[in-house]
């Protein structure tokens, strides 16, 4: 974890996958593990959305809504969520986006484990 953004930012980008047939230069899993700065995370996300600012704006709106909801949630504030992920999905055809919190199986009361 010391060679990824987990140590510097508290999270990391694990994978980027585009639809079959989409020709884009996205970093592979090994390259993503070596990203340590906010700037490089931003570059990877920009590559994922293929430079479309409308997608970035939509994901930002969803992330801010999720943050507001989680800050108001007693369970989230009193538990540690280990290896929980955020899945960002978009439609190449419609530019619709969705954000999902996944992998919630390892949640523990804060301070316990």
N, C-alpha and C. Protein backbone atom coordinates (compact mmCIF):
# COMPACT_ATOMS: atom_id res chain seq x y z
N UNK A 1 0.80 -1.20 0.00
CA UNK A 1 0.00 0.00 0.00
C UNK A 1 0.85 1.27 0.00
N UNK A 2 2.12 1.16 0.32
CA UNK A 2 2.97 2.35 0.39
C UNK A 2 3.35 2.89 -0.98
N UNK A 3 3.15 2.10 -2.03
CA UNK A 3 3.51 2.56 -3.36
C UNK A 3 2.32 3.07 -4.14
N UNK A 4 1.14 3.14 -3.52
CA UNK A 4 -0.05 3.63 -4.21
C UNK A 4 -0.58 4.87 -3.51
N UNK A 5 -1.64 5.43 -4.07
CA UNK A 5 -2.24 6.62 -3.47
C UNK A 5 -2.93 6.30 -2.15
N UNK A 6 -3.04 5.02 -1.78
CA UNK A 6 -3.61 4.67 -0.49
C UNK A 6 -2.82 5.33 0.63
N UNK A 7 -1.51 5.34 0.51
CA UNK A 7 -0.68 5.91 1.57
C UNK A 7 -0.71 7.44 1.57
N UNK A 8 -0.95 8.07 0.43
CA UNK A 8 -0.91 9.53 0.36
C UNK A 8 -2.30 10.16 0.37
N UNK A 9 -3.30 9.47 -0.20
CA UNK A 9 -4.64 10.05 -0.33
C UNK A 9 -5.72 9.28 0.44
N UNK A 10 -5.41 8.07 0.88
CA UNK A 10 -6.39 7.27 1.61
C UNK A 10 -7.28 6.43 0.72
N UNK A 11 -7.02 6.41 -0.57
CA UNK A 11 -7.76 5.58 -1.52
C UNK A 11 -6.88 5.34 -2.74
N UNK A 12 -7.32 4.43 -3.58
CA UNK A 12 -6.61 4.23 -4.85
C UNK A 12 -7.59 3.84 -5.93
N UNK A 13 -7.19 4.05 -7.16
CA UNK A 13 -7.96 3.61 -8.32
C UNK A 13 -7.47 2.20 -8.61
N UNK A 14 -8.38 1.23 -8.52
CA UNK A 14 -7.99 -0.18 -8.71
C UNK A 14 -8.03 -0.62 -10.16
N UNK A 15 -9.00 -0.12 -10.91
CA UNK A 15 -9.15 -0.60 -12.28
C UNK A 15 -9.91 0.42 -13.11
N UNK A 16 -9.63 0.40 -14.39
CA UNK A 16 -10.36 1.18 -15.37
C UNK A 16 -10.69 0.24 -16.52
N UNK A 17 -11.97 0.18 -16.84
CA UNK A 17 -12.38 -0.68 -17.95
C UNK A 17 -13.34 0.10 -18.82
N UNK A 18 -13.03 0.14 -20.11
CA UNK A 18 -13.90 0.78 -21.08
C UNK A 18 -14.63 -0.29 -21.87
N UNK A 19 -15.68 0.11 -22.54
CA UNK A 19 -16.45 -0.83 -23.35
C UNK A 19 -15.58 -1.45 -24.42
N UNK A 20 -15.91 -2.67 -24.80
CA UNK A 20 -15.20 -3.34 -25.88
C UNK A 20 -15.26 -2.47 -27.14
N UNK A 21 -14.15 -2.36 -27.81
CA UNK A 21 -14.08 -1.61 -29.04
C UNK A 21 -13.73 -0.15 -28.86
N UNK A 22 -13.70 0.35 -27.62
CA UNK A 22 -13.32 1.73 -27.37
C UNK A 22 -11.80 1.80 -27.34
N UNK A 23 -11.27 2.64 -28.21
CA UNK A 23 -9.82 2.77 -28.31
C UNK A 23 -9.38 3.96 -27.47
N UNK A 24 -8.83 3.68 -26.31
CA UNK A 24 -8.34 4.74 -25.42
C UNK A 24 -7.10 4.23 -24.70
N UNK A 25 -6.27 5.15 -24.30
CA UNK A 25 -5.03 4.81 -23.63
C UNK A 25 -5.20 4.98 -22.12
N UNK A 26 -5.77 3.98 -21.46
CA UNK A 26 -5.97 4.01 -20.01
C UNK A 26 -4.91 3.17 -19.33
N UNK A 27 -4.50 3.58 -18.15
CA UNK A 27 -3.50 2.80 -17.43
C UNK A 27 -4.04 1.43 -17.01
N UNK A 28 -3.17 0.43 -17.04
CA UNK A 28 -3.58 -0.91 -16.60
C UNK A 28 -3.48 -0.99 -15.08
N UNK A 29 -3.88 -2.12 -14.52
CA UNK A 29 -3.92 -2.29 -13.07
C UNK A 29 -2.55 -2.06 -12.42
N UNK A 30 -1.49 -2.53 -13.05
CA UNK A 30 -0.15 -2.35 -12.49
C UNK A 30 0.24 -0.87 -12.44
N UNK A 31 -0.08 -0.14 -13.49
CA UNK A 31 0.24 1.29 -13.51
C UNK A 31 -0.60 2.05 -12.49
N UNK A 32 -1.86 1.66 -12.34
CA UNK A 32 -2.73 2.32 -11.37
C UNK A 32 -2.21 2.16 -9.95
N UNK A 33 -1.65 1.00 -9.64
CA UNK A 33 -1.12 0.76 -8.29
C UNK A 33 0.05 1.68 -7.96
N UNK A 34 0.70 2.23 -8.97
CA UNK A 34 1.86 3.09 -8.75
C UNK A 34 1.51 4.57 -8.67
N UNK A 35 0.24 4.90 -8.88
CA UNK A 35 -0.19 6.30 -8.79
C UNK A 35 -0.20 6.72 -7.32
N UNK A 36 0.46 7.85 -7.02
CA UNK A 36 0.55 8.29 -5.63
C UNK A 36 0.06 9.71 -5.41
N UNK A 37 -0.22 10.45 -6.48
CA UNK A 37 -0.59 11.85 -6.32
C UNK A 37 -2.01 12.12 -6.79
N UNK A 38 -2.59 13.18 -6.24
CA UNK A 38 -3.93 13.60 -6.64
C UNK A 38 -3.94 13.96 -8.13
N UNK A 39 -2.88 14.56 -8.61
CA UNK A 39 -2.80 14.94 -10.03
C UNK A 39 -2.89 13.70 -10.93
N UNK A 40 -2.16 12.66 -10.60
CA UNK A 40 -2.18 11.43 -11.42
C UNK A 40 -3.53 10.72 -11.32
N UNK A 41 -4.16 10.75 -10.14
CA UNK A 41 -5.51 10.18 -10.02
C UNK A 41 -6.44 10.93 -10.97
N UNK A 42 -6.34 12.26 -10.95
CA UNK A 42 -7.17 13.07 -11.85
C UNK A 42 -6.93 12.74 -13.31
N UNK A 43 -5.68 12.52 -13.68
CA UNK A 43 -5.36 12.16 -15.06
C UNK A 43 -5.97 10.81 -15.42
N UNK A 44 -5.91 9.85 -14.50
CA UNK A 44 -6.49 8.52 -14.77
C UNK A 44 -8.01 8.60 -14.93
N UNK A 45 -8.65 9.39 -14.07
CA UNK A 45 -10.11 9.54 -14.19
C UNK A 45 -10.46 10.25 -15.49
N UNK A 46 -9.69 11.25 -15.86
CA UNK A 46 -9.92 11.96 -17.12
C UNK A 46 -9.77 11.02 -18.31
N UNK A 47 -8.80 10.10 -18.23
CA UNK A 47 -8.66 9.11 -19.29
C UNK A 47 -9.86 8.18 -19.33
N UNK A 48 -10.36 7.79 -18.14
CA UNK A 48 -11.52 6.91 -18.07
C UNK A 48 -12.74 7.55 -18.75
N UNK A 49 -12.97 8.84 -18.50
CA UNK A 49 -14.14 9.50 -19.10
C UNK A 49 -13.83 10.04 -20.49
N UNK A 50 -12.66 9.71 -20.99
CA UNK A 50 -12.23 10.09 -22.33
C UNK A 50 -12.30 11.60 -22.55
N UNK A 51 -11.95 12.34 -21.48
CA UNK A 51 -11.87 13.80 -21.57
C UNK A 51 -13.20 14.53 -21.57
N UNK A 52 -14.30 13.82 -21.33
CA UNK A 52 -15.62 14.46 -21.39
C UNK A 52 -15.96 15.12 -20.06
N UNK A 53 -15.95 16.45 -20.07
CA UNK A 53 -16.20 17.21 -18.85
C UNK A 53 -17.61 17.00 -18.32
N UNK A 54 -18.58 16.75 -19.20
CA UNK A 54 -19.95 16.50 -18.74
C UNK A 54 -19.99 15.28 -17.83
N UNK A 55 -19.18 14.27 -18.12
CA UNK A 55 -19.12 13.09 -17.27
C UNK A 55 -18.45 13.41 -15.94
N UNK A 56 -17.36 14.17 -15.98
CA UNK A 56 -16.68 14.56 -14.75
C UNK A 56 -17.62 15.35 -13.84
N UNK A 57 -18.36 16.29 -14.42
CA UNK A 57 -19.29 17.09 -13.63
C UNK A 57 -20.38 16.22 -13.02
N UNK A 58 -20.89 15.27 -13.76
CA UNK A 58 -21.93 14.39 -13.26
C UNK A 58 -21.39 13.51 -12.13
N UNK A 59 -20.20 12.95 -12.30
CA UNK A 59 -19.60 12.14 -11.24
C UNK A 59 -19.33 12.99 -10.00
N UNK A 60 -18.85 14.21 -10.17
CA UNK A 60 -18.60 15.08 -9.03
C UNK A 60 -19.89 15.35 -8.27
N UNK A 61 -20.96 15.63 -8.98
CA UNK A 61 -22.25 15.86 -8.33
C UNK A 61 -22.67 14.63 -7.53
N UNK A 62 -22.53 13.44 -8.12
CA UNK A 62 -22.90 12.20 -7.42
C UNK A 62 -22.01 11.96 -6.20
N UNK A 63 -20.72 12.24 -6.33
CA UNK A 63 -19.80 12.05 -5.20
C UNK A 63 -20.14 13.01 -4.05
N UNK A 64 -20.48 14.24 -4.38
CA UNK A 64 -20.85 15.20 -3.34
C UNK A 64 -22.15 14.80 -2.65
N UNK A 65 -23.11 14.28 -3.42
CA UNK A 65 -24.36 13.79 -2.84
C UNK A 65 -24.10 12.60 -1.92
N UNK A 66 -23.23 11.70 -2.36
CA UNK A 66 -22.88 10.54 -1.53
C UNK A 66 -22.21 11.00 -0.24
N UNK A 67 -21.30 11.94 -0.35
CA UNK A 67 -20.62 12.45 0.84
C UNK A 67 -21.62 13.03 1.84
N UNK A 68 -22.55 13.83 1.34
CA UNK A 68 -23.57 14.43 2.21
C UNK A 68 -24.39 13.34 2.89
N UNK A 69 -24.79 12.33 2.13
CA UNK A 69 -25.59 11.24 2.70
C UNK A 69 -24.79 10.46 3.74
N UNK A 70 -23.54 10.17 3.46
CA UNK A 70 -22.72 9.40 4.40
C UNK A 70 -22.41 10.19 5.67
N UNK A 71 -22.21 11.50 5.54
CA UNK A 71 -21.94 12.33 6.72
C UNK A 71 -23.15 12.40 7.64
N UNK A 72 -24.34 12.14 7.10
CA UNK A 72 -25.56 12.17 7.91
C UNK A 72 -25.95 10.78 8.41
N UNK A 73 -25.16 9.78 8.11
CA UNK A 73 -25.48 8.39 8.43
C UNK A 73 -24.70 7.94 9.66
N UNK A 74 -25.42 7.63 10.74
CA UNK A 74 -24.76 7.19 11.98
C UNK A 74 -23.90 5.94 11.76
N UNK A 75 -24.40 5.00 10.99
CA UNK A 75 -23.64 3.76 10.75
C UNK A 75 -22.32 4.05 10.07
N UNK A 76 -22.32 4.96 9.12
CA UNK A 76 -21.08 5.27 8.41
C UNK A 76 -20.10 6.00 9.34
N UNK A 77 -20.62 6.85 10.20
CA UNK A 77 -19.75 7.62 11.09
C UNK A 77 -19.18 6.80 12.23
N UNK A 78 -19.78 5.66 12.53
CA UNK A 78 -19.33 4.85 13.68
C UNK A 78 -18.72 3.52 13.27
N UNK A 79 -18.52 3.31 11.97
CA UNK A 79 -17.95 2.06 11.49
C UNK A 79 -16.78 2.31 10.54
N UNK A 80 -15.90 1.34 10.46
CA UNK A 80 -14.81 1.35 9.48
C UNK A 80 -15.21 0.41 8.36
N UNK A 81 -15.08 0.86 7.13
CA UNK A 81 -15.42 0.06 5.95
C UNK A 81 -14.11 -0.30 5.25
N UNK A 82 -13.72 -1.56 5.38
CA UNK A 82 -12.44 -2.03 4.85
C UNK A 82 -12.64 -2.53 3.42
N UNK A 83 -11.82 -2.00 2.52
CA UNK A 83 -11.84 -2.39 1.10
C UNK A 83 -13.20 -2.17 0.43
N UNK A 84 -13.93 -1.18 0.89
CA UNK A 84 -15.17 -0.79 0.23
C UNK A 84 -14.79 0.00 -1.02
N UNK A 85 -15.56 -0.16 -2.07
CA UNK A 85 -15.23 0.46 -3.35
C UNK A 85 -16.33 1.37 -3.85
N UNK A 86 -15.95 2.33 -4.67
CA UNK A 86 -16.89 3.13 -5.42
C UNK A 86 -16.78 2.72 -6.88
N UNK A 87 -17.89 2.37 -7.46
CA UNK A 87 -17.95 1.95 -8.86
C UNK A 87 -18.58 3.09 -9.65
N UNK A 88 -17.83 3.63 -10.59
CA UNK A 88 -18.31 4.72 -11.44
C UNK A 88 -18.58 4.16 -12.83
N UNK A 89 -19.80 4.35 -13.30
CA UNK A 89 -20.22 3.79 -14.59
C UNK A 89 -20.82 4.91 -15.43
N UNK A 90 -20.56 4.86 -16.74
CA UNK A 90 -21.24 5.81 -17.63
C UNK A 90 -21.60 5.13 -18.94
N UNK A 91 -22.60 5.72 -19.58
CA UNK A 91 -23.00 5.24 -20.91
C UNK A 91 -22.28 6.07 -21.96
N UNK A 92 -21.59 5.40 -22.84
CA UNK A 92 -20.90 6.07 -23.92
C UNK A 92 -21.90 6.71 -24.90
N UNK A 93 -23.09 6.12 -24.98
CA UNK A 93 -24.10 6.61 -25.92
C UNK A 93 -24.89 7.80 -25.38
N UNK A 94 -25.22 7.78 -24.08
CA UNK A 94 -26.10 8.81 -23.53
C UNK A 94 -25.41 9.78 -22.57
N UNK A 95 -24.20 9.45 -22.15
CA UNK A 95 -23.47 10.22 -21.13
C UNK A 95 -24.13 10.16 -19.75
N UNK A 96 -25.07 9.25 -19.55
CA UNK A 96 -25.64 9.05 -18.22
C UNK A 96 -24.58 8.40 -17.34
N UNK A 97 -24.55 8.81 -16.08
CA UNK A 97 -23.58 8.26 -15.14
C UNK A 97 -24.29 7.66 -13.94
N UNK A 98 -23.60 6.76 -13.27
CA UNK A 98 -24.10 6.24 -12.00
C UNK A 98 -22.91 5.94 -11.10
N UNK A 99 -23.16 6.05 -9.81
CA UNK A 99 -22.13 5.83 -8.80
C UNK A 99 -22.70 4.84 -7.79
N UNK A 100 -21.93 3.80 -7.50
CA UNK A 100 -22.39 2.76 -6.57
C UNK A 100 -21.31 2.49 -5.54
N UNK A 101 -21.71 2.39 -4.28
CA UNK A 101 -20.80 1.95 -3.23
C UNK A 101 -20.95 0.44 -3.14
N UNK A 102 -19.85 -0.29 -3.31
CA UNK A 102 -19.90 -1.75 -3.36
C UNK A 102 -18.89 -2.34 -2.39
N UNK A 103 -18.95 -3.65 -2.23
CA UNK A 103 -18.01 -4.39 -1.37
C UNK A 103 -18.11 -3.94 0.09
N UNK A 104 -19.31 -4.00 0.62
CA UNK A 104 -19.56 -3.54 1.99
C UNK A 104 -19.48 -4.66 3.03
N UNK A 105 -18.97 -5.81 2.65
CA UNK A 105 -19.00 -6.97 3.55
C UNK A 105 -18.03 -6.85 4.73
N UNK A 106 -17.05 -5.99 4.66
CA UNK A 106 -16.08 -5.87 5.74
C UNK A 106 -16.24 -4.54 6.47
N UNK A 107 -17.35 -4.40 7.17
CA UNK A 107 -17.61 -3.21 7.99
C UNK A 107 -17.54 -3.59 9.45
N UNK A 108 -16.85 -2.80 10.22
CA UNK A 108 -16.66 -3.07 11.64
C UNK A 108 -16.94 -1.80 12.44
N UNK A 109 -17.43 -1.96 13.67
CA UNK A 109 -17.55 -0.77 14.53
C UNK A 109 -16.17 -0.11 14.64
N UNK A 110 -16.13 1.19 14.59
CA UNK A 110 -14.86 1.92 14.65
C UNK A 110 -14.11 1.52 15.92
N UNK A 111 -12.83 1.27 15.77
CA UNK A 111 -12.01 0.87 16.91
C UNK A 111 -11.99 -0.61 17.18
N UNK A 112 -12.82 -1.40 16.48
CA UNK A 112 -12.86 -2.86 16.67
C UNK A 112 -12.34 -3.54 15.41
N UNK A 113 -11.85 -4.75 15.61
CA UNK A 113 -11.46 -5.54 14.45
C UNK A 113 -10.97 -6.88 14.86
